[in-house]
C-alpha atoms as a PDB file:
ATOM      1  CA  MET A   1    -114.268-109.023  62.095  1.00  0.00           C
ATOM      2  CA  SER A   2    -117.199-106.579  60.486  1.00  0.00           C
ATOM      3  CA  ARG A   3    -119.403-106.956  58.296  1.00  0.00           C
ATOM      4  CA  PRO A   4    -119.472-105.452  55.197  1.00  0.00           C
ATOM      5  CA  LEU A   5    -121.124-102.367  54.341  1.00  0.00           C
ATOM      6  CA  GLN A   6    -124.603-103.141  52.608  1.00  0.00           C
ATOM      7  CA  THR A   7    -125.115-101.645  49.223  1.00  0.00           C
ATOM      8  CA  ARG A   8    -128.293-101.404  46.978  1.00  0.00           C
ATOM      9  CA  SER A   9    -127.567-101.338  43.376  1.00  0.00           C
ATOM     10  CA  SER A  10    -128.167 -97.589  43.242  1.00  0.00           C
ATOM     11  CA  GLY A  11    -124.855 -97.026  45.025  1.00  0.00           C
ATOM     12  CA  ARG A  12    -126.530 -96.234  48.544  1.00  0.00           C
ATOM     13  CA  PHE A  13    -124.201 -96.226  51.627  1.00  0.00           C
ATOM     14  CA  ASP A  14    -126.073 -95.486  54.660  1.00  0.00           C
ATOM     15  CA  PRO A  15    -123.890 -94.593  57.683  1.00  0.00           C
ATOM     16  CA  SER A  16    -126.393 -95.121  60.331  1.00  0.00           C
ATOM     17  CA  GLU A  17    -125.658 -99.018  59.347  1.00  0.00           C
ATOM     18  CA  ILE A  18    -122.031 -98.497  60.468  1.00  0.00           C
ATOM     19  CA  SER A  19    -121.154-100.085  63.666  1.00  0.00           C
ATOM     20  CA  ASN A  20    -119.664 -97.579  66.391  1.00  0.00           C
ATOM     21  CA  ALA A  21    -116.074 -99.818  66.132  1.00  0.00           C
ATOM     22  CA  ASP A  22    -115.967 -99.044  62.465  1.00  0.00           C
ATOM     23  CA  MET A  23    -117.358 -95.684  62.954  1.00  0.00           C
ATOM     24  CA  GLU A  24    -114.098 -94.940  65.081  1.00  0.00           C
ATOM     25  CA  SER A  25    -111.828 -96.260  62.682  1.00  0.00           C
ATOM     26  CA  VAL A  26    -113.628 -93.925  59.607  1.00  0.00           C
ATOM     27  CA  ASN A  27    -112.699 -91.059  61.869  1.00  0.00           C
ATOM     28  CA  VAL A  28    -108.856 -92.824  62.487  1.00  0.00           C
ATOM     29  CA  PHE A  29    -108.625 -93.317  58.494  1.00  0.00           C
ATOM     30  CA  LEU A  30    -110.077 -89.640  57.648  1.00  0.00           C
ATOM     31  CA  ASP A  31    -107.684 -87.854  60.326  1.00  0.00           C
ATOM     32  CA  HIS A  32    -105.093 -89.409  58.907  1.00  0.00           C
ATOM     33  CA  LEU A  33    -105.985 -88.931  55.418  1.00  0.00           C
ATOM     34  CA  LEU A  34    -106.297 -85.156  56.502  1.00  0.00           C
ATOM     35  CA  ASN A  35    -102.637 -85.013  57.830  1.00  0.00           C
ATOM     36  CA  GLU A  36    -100.622 -87.151  55.778  1.00  0.00           C
ATOM     37  CA  GLN A  37     -98.041 -84.872  53.486  1.00  0.00           C
ATOM     38  CA  ALA A  38     -97.580 -87.418  50.671  1.00  0.00           C
ATOM     39  CA  LEU A  39    -100.819 -89.313  48.913  1.00  0.00           C
ATOM     40  CA  PRO A  40    -101.839 -92.437  50.858  1.00  0.00           C
ATOM     41  CA  ALA A  41    -101.175 -95.905  48.892  1.00  0.00           C
ATOM     42  CA  LEU A  42    -102.491 -99.339  48.572  1.00  0.00           C
ATOM     43  CA  VAL A  43    -100.093-102.025  49.714  1.00  0.00           C
ATOM     44  CA  ASP A  44    -100.870-105.697  48.950  1.00  0.00           C
ATOM     45  CA  GLU A  45     -99.525-109.064  50.952  1.00  0.00           C
ATOM     46  CA  HIS A  46     -96.218-108.707  48.778  1.00  0.00           C
ATOM     47  CA  GLU A  47     -95.811-105.082  49.976  1.00  0.00           C
ATOM     48  CA  ASN A  48     -96.189-104.226  46.425  1.00  0.00           C
ATOM     49  CA  ARG A  49     -97.242-100.542  46.780  1.00  0.00           C
ATOM     50  CA  LEU A  50     -99.595 -98.481  44.672  1.00  0.00           C
ATOM     51  CA  GLU A  51    -100.079 -94.759  45.258  1.00  0.00           C
ATOM     52  CA  LEU A  52    -103.601 -93.509  45.097  1.00  0.00           C
ATOM     53  CA  PRO A  53    -104.509 -90.929  42.201  1.00  0.00           C
ATOM     54  CA  ARG A  54    -105.472 -87.507  43.353  1.00  0.00           C
ATOM     55  CA  PRO A  55    -108.823 -87.826  42.197  1.00  0.00           C
ATOM     56  CA  ILE A  56    -109.263 -91.056  44.850  1.00  0.00           C
ATOM     57  CA  PHE A  57    -107.541 -89.667  47.336  1.00  0.00           C
ATOM     58  CA  ASP A  58    -110.126 -86.553  46.799  1.00  0.00           C
ATOM     59  CA  MET A  59    -112.806 -88.774  46.404  1.00  0.00           C
ATOM     60  CA  LEU A  60    -112.412 -91.000  49.873  1.00  0.00           C
ATOM     61  CA  VAL A  61    -111.983 -87.797  51.707  1.00  0.00           C
ATOM     62  CA  VAL A  62    -115.032 -86.663  50.488  1.00  0.00           C
ATOM     63  CA  VAL A  63    -117.141 -90.032  51.222  1.00  0.00           C
ATOM     64  CA  ALA A  64    -115.234 -90.569  54.284  1.00  0.00           C
ATOM     65  CA  THR A  65    -116.187 -87.071  55.948  1.00  0.00           C
ATOM     66  CA  ALA A  66    -119.721 -87.399  54.702  1.00  0.00           C
ATOM     67  CA  MET A  67    -119.394 -90.817  56.741  1.00  0.00           C
ATOM     68  CA  ARG A  68    -118.111 -89.022  59.842  1.00  0.00           C
ATOM     69  CA  GLU A  69    -120.940 -86.730  59.507  1.00  0.00           C
ATOM     70  CA  GLY A  70    -123.606 -89.230  59.442  1.00  0.00           C
ATOM     71  CA  LYS A  71    -124.918 -88.489  55.920  1.00  0.00           C
ATOM     72  CA  VAL A  72    -125.767 -91.087  53.402  1.00  0.00           C
ATOM     73  CA  ILE A  73    -123.535 -91.494  50.566  1.00  0.00           C
ATOM     74  CA  SER A  74    -125.186 -92.371  46.843  1.00  0.00           C
ATOM     75  CA  LEU A  75    -122.476 -92.892  43.637  1.00  0.00           C
ATOM     76  CA  VAL A  76    -123.798 -92.315  40.714  1.00  0.00           C
ATOM     77  CA  PRO A  77    -122.298 -92.916  37.299  1.00  0.00           C
ATOM     78  CA  GLU A  78    -122.457 -89.048  35.321  1.00  0.00           C
ATOM     79  CA  ARG A  79    -123.706 -91.631  32.452  1.00  0.00           C
ATOM     80  CA  GLN A  80    -126.559 -93.185  34.581  1.00  0.00           C
ATOM     81  CA  GLU A  81    -130.002 -92.797  33.504  1.00  0.00           C
ATOM     82  CA  LEU A  82    -132.904 -90.963  35.489  1.00  0.00           C
ATOM     83  CA  THR A  83    -136.196 -90.998  35.186  1.00  0.00           C
ATOM     84  CA  THR A  84    -138.070 -87.956  35.495  1.00  0.00           C
ATOM     85  CA  GLN A  85    -139.554 -88.590  38.710  1.00  0.00           C
ATOM     86  CA  ALA A  86    -135.760 -88.962  40.077  1.00  0.00           C
ATOM     87  CA  ALA A  87    -134.487 -86.136  38.425  1.00  0.00           C
ATOM     88  CA  ALA A  88    -137.082 -84.102  39.854  1.00  0.00           C
ATOM     89  CA  ASN A  89    -136.452 -85.342  43.550  1.00  0.00           C
ATOM     90  CA  LEU A  90    -132.751 -84.396  42.769  1.00  0.00           C
ATOM     91  CA  LEU A  91    -133.303 -81.477  41.982  1.00  0.00           C
ATOM     92  CA  GLY A  92    -136.201 -80.430  44.649  1.00  0.00           C
ATOM     93  CA  MET A  93    -138.841 -79.987  42.490  1.00  0.00           C
ATOM     94  CA  SER A  94    -142.125 -81.270  41.119  1.00  0.00           C
ATOM     95  CA  ARG A  95    -141.704 -83.870  38.083  1.00  0.00           C
ATOM     96  CA  PRO A  96    -144.436 -81.623  36.413  1.00  0.00           C
ATOM     97  CA  HIS A  97    -142.436 -78.389  36.515  1.00  0.00           C
ATOM     98  CA  LEU A  98    -139.368 -81.014  35.303  1.00  0.00           C
ATOM     99  CA  ILE A  99    -141.215 -81.709  32.598  1.00  0.00           C
ATOM    100  CA  LYS A 100    -141.930 -78.080  31.788  1.00  0.00           C
ATOM    101  CA  LEU A 101    -138.084 -77.203  31.818  1.00  0.00           C
ATOM    102  CA  LEU A 102    -137.467 -80.576  29.504  1.00  0.00           C
ATOM    103  CA  GLU A 103    -140.125 -79.226  27.430  1.00  0.00           C
ATOM    104  CA  SER A 104    -138.212 -76.059  26.782  1.00  0.00           C
ATOM    105  CA  ASN A 105    -135.026 -77.930  26.117  1.00  0.00           C
ATOM    106  CA  ALA A 106    -133.503 -75.655  29.519  1.00  0.00           C
ATOM    107  CA  LEU A 107    -132.219 -79.415  30.567  1.00  0.00           C
ATOM    108  CA  PRO A 108    -131.209 -82.395  27.759  1.00  0.00           C
ATOM    109  CA  HIS A 109    -133.088 -85.551  27.850  1.00  0.00           C
ATOM    110  CA  HIS A 110    -133.593 -88.024  25.547  1.00  0.00           C
ATOM    111  CA  PHE A 111    -137.251 -91.173  25.371  1.00  0.00           C
ATOM    112  CA  ILE A 112    -136.595 -94.477  25.843  1.00  0.00           C
ATOM    113  CA  GLY A 113    -139.951 -95.484  23.844  1.00  0.00           C
ATOM    114  CA  SER A 114    -142.633 -92.903  25.520  1.00  0.00           C
ATOM    115  CA  HIS A 115    -140.743 -92.275  28.313  1.00  0.00           C
ATOM    116  CA  ARG A 116    -138.294 -89.784  29.291  1.00  0.00           C
ATOM    117  CA  ARG A 117    -134.460 -90.076  30.375  1.00  0.00           C
ATOM    118  CA  ILE A 118    -132.384 -87.485  31.774  1.00  0.00           C
ATOM    119  CA  LEU A 119    -128.831 -88.456  32.398  1.00  0.00           C
ATOM    120  CA  MET A 120    -127.097 -87.666  35.679  1.00  0.00           C
ATOM    121  CA  LYS A 121    -124.379 -85.405  34.413  1.00  0.00           C
ATOM    122  CA  ASP A 122    -127.169 -83.062  32.739  1.00  0.00           C
ATOM    123  CA  VAL A 123    -129.162 -83.206  36.033  1.00  0.00           C
ATOM    124  CA  VAL A 124    -125.497 -82.162  37.556  1.00  0.00           C
ATOM    125  CA  SER A 125    -124.686 -79.231  35.322  1.00  0.00           C
ATOM    126  CA  PHE A 126    -128.321 -77.938  35.486  1.00  0.00           C
ATOM    127  CA  GLN A 127    -128.124 -78.109  39.206  1.00  0.00           C
ATOM    128  CA  LYS A 128    -124.661 -76.337  38.931  1.00  0.00           C
ATOM    129  CA  ASP A 129    -125.924 -73.580  36.677  1.00  0.00           C
ATOM    130  CA  ARG A 130    -129.567 -72.925  38.557  1.00  0.00           C
ATOM    131  CA  ASP A 131    -127.133 -72.271  41.827  1.00  0.00           C
ATOM    132  CA  ALA A 132    -124.885 -70.227  40.098  1.00  0.00           C
ATOM    133  CA  THR A 133    -127.688 -68.042  38.532  1.00  0.00           C
ATOM    134  CA  ARG A 134    -129.157 -68.079  41.975  1.00  0.00           C
ATOM    135  CA  ARG A 135    -126.003 -66.739  44.092  1.00  0.00           C
ATOM    136  CA  THR A 136    -125.704 -64.213  41.212  1.00  0.00           C
ATOM    137  CA  ALA A 137    -128.853 -62.927  41.840  1.00  0.00           C
ATOM    138  CA  LEU A 138    -128.688 -63.164  45.867  1.00  0.00           C
ATOM    139  CA  ASP A 139    -125.391 -61.094  45.756  1.00  0.00           C
ATOM    140  CA  GLU A 140    -126.861 -58.387  43.719  1.00  0.00           C
ATOM    141  CA  MET A 141    -129.740 -58.289  45.844  1.00  0.00           C
ATOM    142  CA  THR A 142    -127.222 -57.817  48.396  1.00  0.00           C
ATOM    143  CA  ARG A 143    -125.468 -54.802  46.620  1.00  0.00           C
ATOM    144  CA  GLU A 144    -129.096 -53.426  46.319  1.00  0.00           C
ATOM    145  CA  ILE A 145    -130.152 -53.094  49.628  1.00  0.00           C
ATOM    146  CA  HIS A 146    -126.525 -52.486  51.192  1.00  0.00           C
ATOM    147  CA  ALA A 147    -126.462 -49.182  48.804  1.00  0.00           C
ATOM    148  CA  ALA A 148    -129.951 -48.091  49.751  1.00  0.00           C
ATOM    149  CA  GLY A 149    -128.736 -48.123  53.260  1.00  0.00           C
ATOM    150  CA  LYS A 150    -131.537 -50.820  54.495  1.00  0.00           C
ATOM    151  CA  TYR A 151    -129.111 -52.816  55.672  1.00  0.00           C
END
């Protein structure tokens, strides 16, 4: 029997800690999930069957795919409060730049004493909006380059 995958309180899973035999099991599991017509179910020792809801099924596919690709997986509740440094790291920016965004109210936050905290859901929402704005700008630039005959 293999040892359970160690997690930290952060909910972080590192696939490099998974044995080759366990990784093969992950691959078989994922292949089965992707090829199954009906939603999988959990079955207990008394043969009681509980079908997985679609959101849980979809999450399992995402997690198993990331594991197969050797990616580290972090499960963070959307109501998790992040420090400014943690939020800046997730957004790929400096902490001073994030502070400027917070001060301009571009990103919701609150204070715990004198320390700013940002909800994970707000960081993810900001990231999605920022990425969509970037994508739109790049699409527009591409159209302009094509229209000018430069590409």
